[in-house]
């Protein structure tokens, strides 16, 4: 699953998002359209508007306890 915050693209496990967010549970339970879903390819990430990299890094540090902001994959 690919998410884009500001100019940063994150690769995140879909399962982690679904387990921790009813918003993502609902989003991923919707039937897919004829085109590829957002977040499945690097050219079509899910863009999170109104969220800063700093805020998203803080979220990831809670979801992934070993996460270090700014570190490579």
C-alpha atoms as a PDB file:
ATOM      1  CA  UNK A   1       0.000   0.000   0.000  1.00  0.00           C
ATOM      2  CA  UNK A   2       1.458   3.345  -1.015  1.00  0.00           C
ATOM      3  CA  UNK A   3       0.598   6.603   0.732  1.00  0.00           C
ATOM      4  CA  UNK A   4       1.799  10.058  -0.230  1.00  0.00           C
ATOM      5  CA  UNK A   5       2.134  12.810   2.354  1.00  0.00           C
ATOM      6  CA  UNK A   6       3.407  16.124   1.060  1.00  0.00           C
ATOM      7  CA  UNK A   7       6.206  14.943  -1.288  1.00  0.00           C
ATOM      8  CA  UNK A   8       6.999  11.703   0.535  1.00  0.00           C
ATOM      9  CA  UNK A   9       5.670   8.295  -0.567  1.00  0.00           C
ATOM     10  CA  UNK A  10       5.381   5.637   2.149  1.00  0.00           C
ATOM     11  CA  UNK A  11       5.071   1.887   1.641  1.00  0.00           C
ATOM     12  CA  UNK A  12       2.758   0.588   4.363  1.00  0.00           C
ATOM     13  CA  UNK A  13       1.204  -2.801   5.051  1.00  0.00           C
ATOM     14  CA  UNK A  14      -2.508  -2.634   4.264  1.00  0.00           C
ATOM     15  CA  UNK A  15      -3.199  -5.110   7.062  1.00  0.00           C
ATOM     16  CA  UNK A  16      -1.732  -2.746   9.689  1.00  0.00           C
ATOM     17  CA  UNK A  17      -3.951   0.114   8.531  1.00  0.00           C
ATOM     18  CA  UNK A  18      -7.090  -2.037   8.467  1.00  0.00           C
ATOM     19  CA  UNK A  19      -6.398  -3.433  11.946  1.00  0.00           C
ATOM     20  CA  UNK A  20      -5.976   0.034  13.438  1.00  0.00           C
ATOM     21  CA  UNK A  21      -8.480   2.224  11.590  1.00  0.00           C
ATOM     22  CA  UNK A  22     -12.189   1.872  10.876  1.00  0.00           C
ATOM     23  CA  UNK A  23     -11.741   4.470   8.110  1.00  0.00           C
ATOM     24  CA  UNK A  24      -9.270   2.214   6.286  1.00  0.00           C
ATOM     25  CA  UNK A  25     -11.435  -0.850   7.035  1.00  0.00           C
ATOM     26  CA  UNK A  26     -14.338   0.836   5.254  1.00  0.00           C
ATOM     27  CA  UNK A  27     -12.158   2.108   2.419  1.00  0.00           C
ATOM     28  CA  UNK A  28     -10.679  -1.304   1.636  1.00  0.00           C
ATOM     29  CA  UNK A  29     -13.988  -3.143   1.978  1.00  0.00           C
ATOM     30  CA  UNK A  30     -15.457  -1.225  -0.965  1.00  0.00           C
ATOM     31  CA  UNK A  31     -15.563  -3.182  -4.235  1.00  0.00           C
ATOM     32  CA  UNK A  32     -12.798  -2.208  -6.666  1.00  0.00           C
ATOM     33  CA  UNK A  33     -13.624  -0.223  -9.762  1.00  0.00           C
ATOM     34  CA  UNK A  34     -12.494  -1.111 -13.279  1.00  0.00           C
ATOM     35  CA  UNK A  35      -9.153   0.658 -12.779  1.00  0.00           C
ATOM     36  CA  UNK A  36      -6.438  -0.152 -10.263  1.00  0.00           C
ATOM     37  CA  UNK A  37      -7.160   1.094  -6.773  1.00  0.00           C
ATOM     38  CA  UNK A  38      -5.328   4.041  -5.341  1.00  0.00           C
ATOM     39  CA  UNK A  39      -2.317   2.908  -3.358  1.00  0.00           C
ATOM     40  CA  UNK A  40      -1.496  -0.136  -5.450  1.00  0.00           C
ATOM     41  CA  UNK A  41       1.126   1.486  -7.683  1.00  0.00           C
ATOM     42  CA  UNK A  42       3.733   4.188  -7.192  1.00  0.00           C
ATOM     43  CA  UNK A  43       2.147   6.340  -9.870  1.00  0.00           C
ATOM     44  CA  UNK A  44      -1.213   6.218  -8.047  1.00  0.00           C
ATOM     45  CA  UNK A  45      -0.571   6.477  -4.281  1.00  0.00           C
ATOM     46  CA  UNK A  46      -3.276   7.412  -1.795  1.00  0.00           C
ATOM     47  CA  UNK A  47      -2.671  11.121  -1.212  1.00  0.00           C
ATOM     48  CA  UNK A  48      -3.347  12.314   2.323  1.00  0.00           C
ATOM     49  CA  UNK A  49      -4.251  15.992   2.124  1.00  0.00           C
ATOM     50  CA  UNK A  50      -3.965  18.136   5.247  1.00  0.00           C
ATOM     51  CA  UNK A  51      -1.441  15.819   6.907  1.00  0.00           C
ATOM     52  CA  UNK A  52       2.203  16.737   7.355  1.00  0.00           C
ATOM     53  CA  UNK A  53       5.123  14.329   7.100  1.00  0.00           C
ATOM     54  CA  UNK A  54       5.812  14.975  10.782  1.00  0.00           C
ATOM     55  CA  UNK A  55       2.249  13.997  11.745  1.00  0.00           C
ATOM     56  CA  UNK A  56       2.313  10.888   9.574  1.00  0.00           C
ATOM     57  CA  UNK A  57       5.702   9.857  10.974  1.00  0.00           C
ATOM     58  CA  UNK A  58       4.196  10.116  14.474  1.00  0.00           C
ATOM     59  CA  UNK A  59       1.326   7.831  13.425  1.00  0.00           C
ATOM     60  CA  UNK A  60       3.719   5.316  11.883  1.00  0.00           C
ATOM     61  CA  UNK A  61       5.839   5.258  15.037  1.00  0.00           C
ATOM     62  CA  UNK A  62       2.713   4.085  16.932  1.00  0.00           C
ATOM     63  CA  UNK A  63       1.701   1.500  14.315  1.00  0.00           C
ATOM     64  CA  UNK A  64       5.268   0.239  13.813  1.00  0.00           C
ATOM     65  CA  UNK A  65       7.161   0.473  17.150  1.00  0.00           C
ATOM     66  CA  UNK A  66      10.556   0.017  15.405  1.00  0.00           C
ATOM     67  CA  UNK A  67       9.828   2.770  12.833  1.00  0.00           C
ATOM     68  CA  UNK A  68      12.469   5.493  12.631  1.00  0.00           C
ATOM     69  CA  UNK A  69      11.282   8.630  10.769  1.00  0.00           C
ATOM     70  CA  UNK A  70      13.351   9.398   7.696  1.00  0.00           C
ATOM     71  CA  UNK A  71      14.892   5.934   7.525  1.00  0.00           C
ATOM     72  CA  UNK A  72      14.924   3.958   4.281  1.00  0.00           C
ATOM     73  CA  UNK A  73      12.456   1.079   3.902  1.00  0.00           C
END
